[in-house]
Amino acid sequence: MSDLGSALRVAREAAGVSLSALAARTHYSKPLLGHLETGKRRVKPEHVLAYSRALSVPLGGR
C-alpha cells in the first residue's frame, strides 16, 4: 500500500465517509478509489484534490 493511498484512506475514514459516498462526491468509480487507497493505482494530484474537496480537508495543512 502506498503511503499516499493509505493517507487518503485514513482521511476518508476519519471523515466517516464510505467508499461509495466518496465515489458519488468525486465522480470517480468506487473500484478506482479502492485501487488508489490500496496502492494498486498511482495517486495523481487530481485525485488528492478530489479527496480534499469531497472531505472538506485543506491540502498541505498541518
PDB file of N, CA and C in Angstrom:
ATOM      1  N   MET A   1       0.854  -1.183   0.000  1.00  0.00           N
ATOM      2  CA  MET A   1       0.000   0.000   0.000  1.00  0.00           C
ATOM      3  C   MET A   1       0.894   1.238   0.000  1.00  0.00           C
ATOM      4  N   SER A   2       0.579   2.181  -0.843  1.00  0.00           N
ATOM      5  CA  SER A   2       1.379   3.399  -0.889  1.00  0.00           C
ATOM      6  C   SER A   2       1.060   4.266   0.317  1.00  0.00           C
ATOM      7  N   ASP A   3       2.049   5.058   0.742  1.00  0.00           N
ATOM      8  CA  ASP A   3       1.831   5.952   1.871  1.00  0.00           C
ATOM      9  C   ASP A   3       0.728   6.960   1.555  1.00  0.00           C
ATOM     10  N   LEU A   4       0.730   7.483   0.345  1.00  0.00           N
ATOM     11  CA  LEU A   4      -0.282   8.469  -0.033  1.00  0.00           C
ATOM     12  C   LEU A   4      -1.667   7.821  -0.098  1.00  0.00           C
ATOM     13  N   GLY A   5      -1.758   6.647  -0.666  1.00  0.00           N
ATOM     14  CA  GLY A   5      -3.033   5.931  -0.716  1.00  0.00           C
ATOM     15  C   GLY A   5      -3.554   5.631   0.677  1.00  0.00           C
ATOM     16  N   SER A   6      -2.650   5.242   1.553  1.00  0.00           N
ATOM     17  CA  SER A   6      -3.018   4.983   2.942  1.00  0.00           C
ATOM     18  C   SER A   6      -3.520   6.255   3.616  1.00  0.00           C
ATOM     19  N   ALA A   7      -2.858   7.372   3.348  1.00  0.00           N
ATOM     20  CA  ALA A   7      -3.276   8.654   3.932  1.00  0.00           C
ATOM     21  C   ALA A   7      -4.662   9.055   3.424  1.00  0.00           C
ATOM     22  N   LEU A   8      -4.941   8.776   2.160  1.00  0.00           N
ATOM     23  CA  LEU A   8      -6.266   9.078   1.620  1.00  0.00           C
ATOM     24  C   LEU A   8      -7.331   8.246   2.330  1.00  0.00           C
ATOM     25  N   ARG A   9      -7.035   6.986   2.549  1.00  0.00           N
ATOM     26  CA  ARG A   9      -7.987   6.116   3.249  1.00  0.00           C
ATOM     27  C   ARG A   9      -8.211   6.603   4.674  1.00  0.00           C
ATOM     28  N   VAL A  10      -7.142   6.946   5.362  1.00  0.00           N
ATOM     29  CA  VAL A  10      -7.255   7.436   6.742  1.00  0.00           C
ATOM     30  C   VAL A  10      -8.122   8.693   6.787  1.00  0.00           C
ATOM     31  N   ALA A  11      -7.898   9.615   5.862  1.00  0.00           N
ATOM     32  CA  ALA A  11      -8.682  10.855   5.819  1.00  0.00           C
ATOM     33  C   ALA A  11     -10.156  10.557   5.558  1.00  0.00           C
ATOM     34  N   ARG A  12     -10.415   9.648   4.637  1.00  0.00           N
ATOM     35  CA  ARG A  12     -11.802   9.293   4.313  1.00  0.00           C
ATOM     36  C   ARG A  12     -12.486   8.664   5.513  1.00  0.00           C
ATOM     37  N   GLU A  13     -11.807   7.712   6.151  1.00  0.00           N
ATOM     38  CA  GLU A  13     -12.398   7.041   7.301  1.00  0.00           C
ATOM     39  C   GLU A  13     -12.576   7.998   8.479  1.00  0.00           C
ATOM     40  N   ALA A  14     -11.617   8.907   8.687  1.00  0.00           N
ATOM     41  CA  ALA A  14     -11.726   9.887   9.771  1.00  0.00           C
ATOM     42  C   ALA A  14     -12.925  10.811   9.561  1.00  0.00           C
ATOM     43  N   ALA A  15     -13.256  11.053   8.301  1.00  0.00           N
ATOM     44  CA  ALA A  15     -14.403  11.907   7.977  1.00  0.00           C
ATOM     45  C   ALA A  15     -15.715  11.119   8.044  1.00  0.00           C
ATOM     46  N   GLY A  16     -15.619   9.804   8.247  1.00  0.00           N
ATOM     47  CA  GLY A  16     -16.816   8.975   8.325  1.00  0.00           C
ATOM     48  C   GLY A  16     -17.524   8.810   6.994  1.00  0.00           C
ATOM     49  N   VAL A  17     -16.746   8.809   5.916  1.00  0.00           N
ATOM     50  CA  VAL A  17     -17.310   8.719   4.570  1.00  0.00           C
ATOM     51  C   VAL A  17     -16.988   7.345   3.974  1.00  0.00           C
ATOM     52  N   SER A  18     -18.008   6.679   3.481  1.00  0.00           N
ATOM     53  CA  SER A  18     -17.794   5.368   2.858  1.00  0.00           C
ATOM     54  C   SER A  18     -17.179   5.546   1.470  1.00  0.00           C
ATOM     55  N   LEU A  19     -16.628   4.473   0.953  1.00  0.00           N
ATOM     56  CA  LEU A  19     -16.064   4.495  -0.393  1.00  0.00           C
ATOM     57  C   LEU A  19     -17.156   4.815  -1.418  1.00  0.00           C
ATOM     58  N   SER A  20     -18.336   4.273  -1.219  1.00  0.00           N
ATOM     59  CA  SER A  20     -19.458   4.551  -2.128  1.00  0.00           C
ATOM     60  C   SER A  20     -19.847   6.026  -2.107  1.00  0.00           C
ATOM     61  N   ALA A  21     -19.901   6.604  -0.918  1.00  0.00           N
ATOM     62  CA  ALA A  21     -20.258   8.021  -0.797  1.00  0.00           C
ATOM     63  C   ALA A  21     -19.187   8.898  -1.431  1.00  0.00           C
ATOM     64  N   LEU A  22     -17.925   8.527  -1.242  1.00  0.00           N
ATOM     65  CA  LEU A  22     -16.843   9.306  -1.838  1.00  0.00           C
ATOM     66  C   LEU A  22     -16.892   9.214  -3.354  1.00  0.00           C
ATOM     67  N   ALA A  23     -17.228   8.049  -3.868  1.00  0.00           N
ATOM     68  CA  ALA A  23     -17.360   7.886  -5.321  1.00  0.00           C
ATOM     69  C   ALA A  23     -18.432   8.831  -5.861  1.00  0.00           C
ATOM     70  N   ALA A  24     -19.536   8.945  -5.150  1.00  0.00           N
ATOM     71  CA  ALA A  24     -20.608   9.849  -5.589  1.00  0.00           C
ATOM     72  C   ALA A  24     -20.162  11.307  -5.527  1.00  0.00           C
ATOM     73  N   ARG A  25     -19.391  11.645  -4.503  1.00  0.00           N
ATOM     74  CA  ARG A  25     -18.944  13.033  -4.335  1.00  0.00           C
ATOM     75  C   ARG A  25     -17.868  13.440  -5.338  1.00  0.00           C
ATOM     76  N   THR A  26     -17.025  12.488  -5.721  1.00  0.00           N
ATOM     77  CA  THR A  26     -15.882  12.812  -6.587  1.00  0.00           C
ATOM     78  C   THR A  26     -16.137  12.496  -8.055  1.00  0.00           C
ATOM     79  N   HIS A  27     -17.134  11.685  -8.318  1.00  0.00           N
ATOM     80  CA  HIS A  27     -17.429  11.203  -9.676  1.00  0.00           C
ATOM     81  C   HIS A  27     -16.348  10.259 -10.205  1.00  0.00           C
ATOM     82  N   TYR A  28     -15.526   9.720  -9.289  1.00  0.00           N
ATOM     83  CA  TYR A  28     -14.608   8.631  -9.629  1.00  0.00           C
ATOM     84  C   TYR A  28     -15.305   7.336  -9.242  1.00  0.00           C
ATOM     85  N   SER A  29     -14.968   6.248  -9.905  1.00  0.00           N
ATOM     86  CA  SER A  29     -15.611   4.974  -9.584  1.00  0.00           C
ATOM     87  C   SER A  29     -15.112   4.440  -8.247  1.00  0.00           C
ATOM     88  N   LYS A  30     -15.965   3.669  -7.607  1.00  0.00           N
ATOM     89  CA  LYS A  30     -15.602   3.033  -6.344  1.00  0.00           C
ATOM     90  C   LYS A  30     -14.376   2.124  -6.517  1.00  0.00           C
ATOM     91  N   PRO A  31     -14.327   1.304  -7.586  1.00  0.00           N
ATOM     92  CA  PRO A  31     -13.128   0.473  -7.770  1.00  0.00           C
ATOM     93  C   PRO A  31     -11.839   1.303  -7.921  1.00  0.00           C
ATOM     94  N   LEU A  32     -11.903   2.412  -8.654  1.00  0.00           N
ATOM     95  CA  LEU A  32     -10.711   3.248  -8.811  1.00  0.00           C
ATOM     96  C   LEU A  32     -10.270   3.782  -7.459  1.00  0.00           C
ATOM     97  N   LEU A  33     -11.196   4.296  -6.671  1.00  0.00           N
ATOM     98  CA  LEU A  33     -10.843   4.838  -5.361  1.00  0.00           C
ATOM     99  C   LEU A  33     -10.231   3.755  -4.474  1.00  0.00           C
ATOM    100  N   GLY A  34     -10.791   2.568  -4.530  1.00  0.00           N
ATOM    101  CA  GLY A  34     -10.232   1.455  -3.757  1.00  0.00           C
ATOM    102  C   GLY A  34      -8.813   1.123  -4.197  1.00  0.00           C
ATOM    103  N   HIS A  35      -8.569   1.163  -5.484  1.00  0.00           N
ATOM    104  CA  HIS A  35      -7.225   0.879  -6.011  1.00  0.00           C
ATOM    105  C   HIS A  35      -6.240   1.973  -5.613  1.00  0.00           C
ATOM    106  N   LEU A  36      -6.694   3.215  -5.574  1.00  0.00           N
ATOM    107  CA  LEU A  36      -5.818   4.303  -5.133  1.00  0.00           C
ATOM    108  C   LEU A  36      -5.422   4.095  -3.674  1.00  0.00           C
ATOM    109  N   GLU A  37      -6.401   3.754  -2.859  1.00  0.00           N
ATOM    110  CA  GLU A  37      -6.157   3.598  -1.428  1.00  0.00           C
ATOM    111  C   GLU A  37      -5.295   2.390  -1.096  1.00  0.00           C
ATOM    112  N   THR A  38      -5.325   1.365  -1.933  1.00  0.00           N
ATOM    113  CA  THR A  38      -4.534   0.162  -1.667  1.00  0.00           C
ATOM    114  C   THR A  38      -3.198   0.154  -2.401  1.00  0.00           C
ATOM    115  N   GLY A  39      -2.961   1.180  -3.202  1.00  0.00           N
ATOM    116  CA  GLY A  39      -1.693   1.265  -3.918  1.00  0.00           C
ATOM    117  C   GLY A  39      -1.652   0.512  -5.224  1.00  0.00           C
ATOM    118  N   LYS A  40      -2.782  -0.003  -5.668  1.00  0.00           N
ATOM    119  CA  LYS A  40      -2.823  -0.722  -6.946  1.00  0.00           C
ATOM    120  C   LYS A  40      -2.810   0.227  -8.132  1.00  0.00           C
ATOM    121  N   ARG A  41      -3.176   1.491  -7.893  1.00  0.00           N
ATOM    122  CA  ARG A  41      -3.107   2.545  -8.916  1.00  0.00           C
ATOM    123  C   ARG A  41      -2.323   3.709  -8.322  1.00  0.00           C
ATOM    124  N   ARG A  42      -1.598   4.394  -9.190  1.00  0.00           N
ATOM    125  CA  ARG A  42      -0.802   5.547  -8.748  1.00  0.00           C
ATOM    126  C   ARG A  42      -1.728   6.726  -8.477  1.00  0.00           C
ATOM    127  N   VAL A  43      -1.507   7.361  -7.324  1.00  0.00           N
ATOM    128  CA  VAL A  43      -2.297   8.538  -6.962  1.00  0.00           C
ATOM    129  C   VAL A  43      -1.739   9.753  -7.697  1.00  0.00           C
ATOM    130  N   LYS A  44      -2.613  10.470  -8.382  1.00  0.00           N
ATOM    131  CA  LYS A  44      -2.225  11.667  -9.124  1.00  0.00           C
ATOM    132  C   LYS A  44      -2.722  12.902  -8.360  1.00  0.00           C
ATOM    133  N   PRO A  45      -2.153  14.059  -8.669  1.00  0.00           N
ATOM    134  CA  PRO A  45      -2.581  15.287  -7.968  1.00  0.00           C
ATOM    135  C   PRO A  45      -4.087  15.533  -8.041  1.00  0.00           C
ATOM    136  N   GLU A  46      -4.704  15.213  -9.170  1.00  0.00           N
ATOM    137  CA  GLU A  46      -6.142  15.444  -9.278  1.00  0.00           C
ATOM    138  C   GLU A  46      -6.954  14.560  -8.336  1.00  0.00           C
ATOM    139  N   HIS A  47      -6.412  13.378  -8.001  1.00  0.00           N
ATOM    140  CA  HIS A  47      -7.095  12.509  -7.043  1.00  0.00           C
ATOM    141  C   HIS A  47      -7.035  13.123  -5.644  1.00  0.00           C
ATOM    142  N   VAL A  48      -5.863  13.632  -5.286  1.00  0.00           N
ATOM    143  CA  VAL A  48      -5.696  14.263  -3.974  1.00  0.00           C
ATOM    144  C   VAL A  48      -6.636  15.466  -3.858  1.00  0.00           C
ATOM    145  N   LEU A  49      -6.716  16.258  -4.902  1.00  0.00           N
ATOM    146  CA  LEU A  49      -7.600  17.420  -4.904  1.00  0.00           C
ATOM    147  C   LEU A  49      -9.060  16.993  -4.753  1.00  0.00           C
ATOM    148  N   ALA A  50      -9.455  15.936  -5.427  1.00  0.00           N
ATOM    149  CA  ALA A  50     -10.836  15.447  -5.329  1.00  0.00           C
ATOM    150  C   ALA A  50     -11.154  14.998  -3.907  1.00  0.00           C
ATOM    151  N   TYR A  51     -10.242  14.281  -3.270  1.00  0.00           N
ATOM    152  CA  TYR A  51     -10.443  13.867  -1.871  1.00  0.00           C
ATOM    153  C   TYR A  51     -10.543  15.101  -0.979  1.00  0.00           C
ATOM    154  N   SER A  52      -9.646  16.048  -1.183  1.00  0.00           N
ATOM    155  CA  SER A  52      -9.634  17.264  -0.360  1.00  0.00           C
ATOM    156  C   SER A  52     -10.974  17.976  -0.438  1.00  0.00           C
ATOM    157  N   ARG A  53     -11.462  18.153  -1.633  1.00  0.00           N
ATOM    158  CA  ARG A  53     -12.746  18.850  -1.819  1.00  0.00           C
ATOM    159  C   ARG A  53     -13.917  18.048  -1.254  1.00  0.00           C
ATOM    160  N   ALA A  54     -13.934  16.753  -1.543  1.00  0.00           N
ATOM    161  CA  ALA A  54     -15.053  15.901  -1.111  1.00  0.00           C
ATOM    162  C   ALA A  54     -15.120  15.757   0.398  1.00  0.00           C
ATOM    163  N   LEU A  55     -13.961  15.793   1.054  1.00  0.00           N
ATOM    164  CA  LEU A  55     -13.916  15.603   2.505  1.00  0.00           C
ATOM    165  C   LEU A  55     -13.778  16.913   3.266  1.00  0.00           C
ATOM    166  N   SER A  56     -13.702  18.024   2.532  1.00  0.00           N
ATOM    167  CA  SER A  56     -13.512  19.354   3.144  1.00  0.00           C
ATOM    168  C   SER A  56     -12.268  19.387   4.029  1.00  0.00           C
ATOM    169  N   VAL A  57     -11.186  18.841   3.478  1.00  0.00           N
ATOM    170  CA  VAL A  57      -9.905  18.824   4.181  1.00  0.00           C
ATOM    171  C   VAL A  57      -8.929  19.667   3.371  1.00  0.00           C
ATOM    172  N   PRO A  58      -8.327  20.689   3.995  1.00  0.00           N
ATOM    173  CA  PRO A  58      -7.386  21.531   3.238  1.00  0.00           C
ATOM    174  C   PRO A  58      -6.133  20.746   2.849  1.00  0.00           C
ATOM    175  N   LEU A  59      -5.559  21.089   1.733  1.00  0.00           N
ATOM    176  CA  LEU A  59      -4.326  20.449   1.275  1.00  0.00           C
ATOM    177  C   LEU A  59      -3.130  21.009   2.019  1.00  0.00           C
ATOM    178  N   GLY A  60      -2.215  20.143   2.394  1.00  0.00           N
ATOM    179  CA  GLY A  60      -0.948  20.561   2.985  1.00  0.00           C
ATOM    180  C   GLY A  60      -1.046  21.240   4.330  1.00  0.00           C
ATOM    181  N   GLY A  61      -2.198  21.258   4.922  1.00  0.00           N
ATOM    182  CA  GLY A  61      -2.342  21.944   6.210  1.00  0.00           C
ATOM    183  C   GLY A  61      -2.086  21.039   7.384  1.00  0.00           C
ATOM    184  N   ARG A  62      -1.178  21.465   8.224  1.00  0.00           N
ATOM    185  CA  ARG A  62      -0.936  20.757   9.487  1.00  0.00           C
ATOM    186  C   ARG A  62      -0.933  21.751  10.587  1.00  0.00           C
TER     187      ARG A  62
END
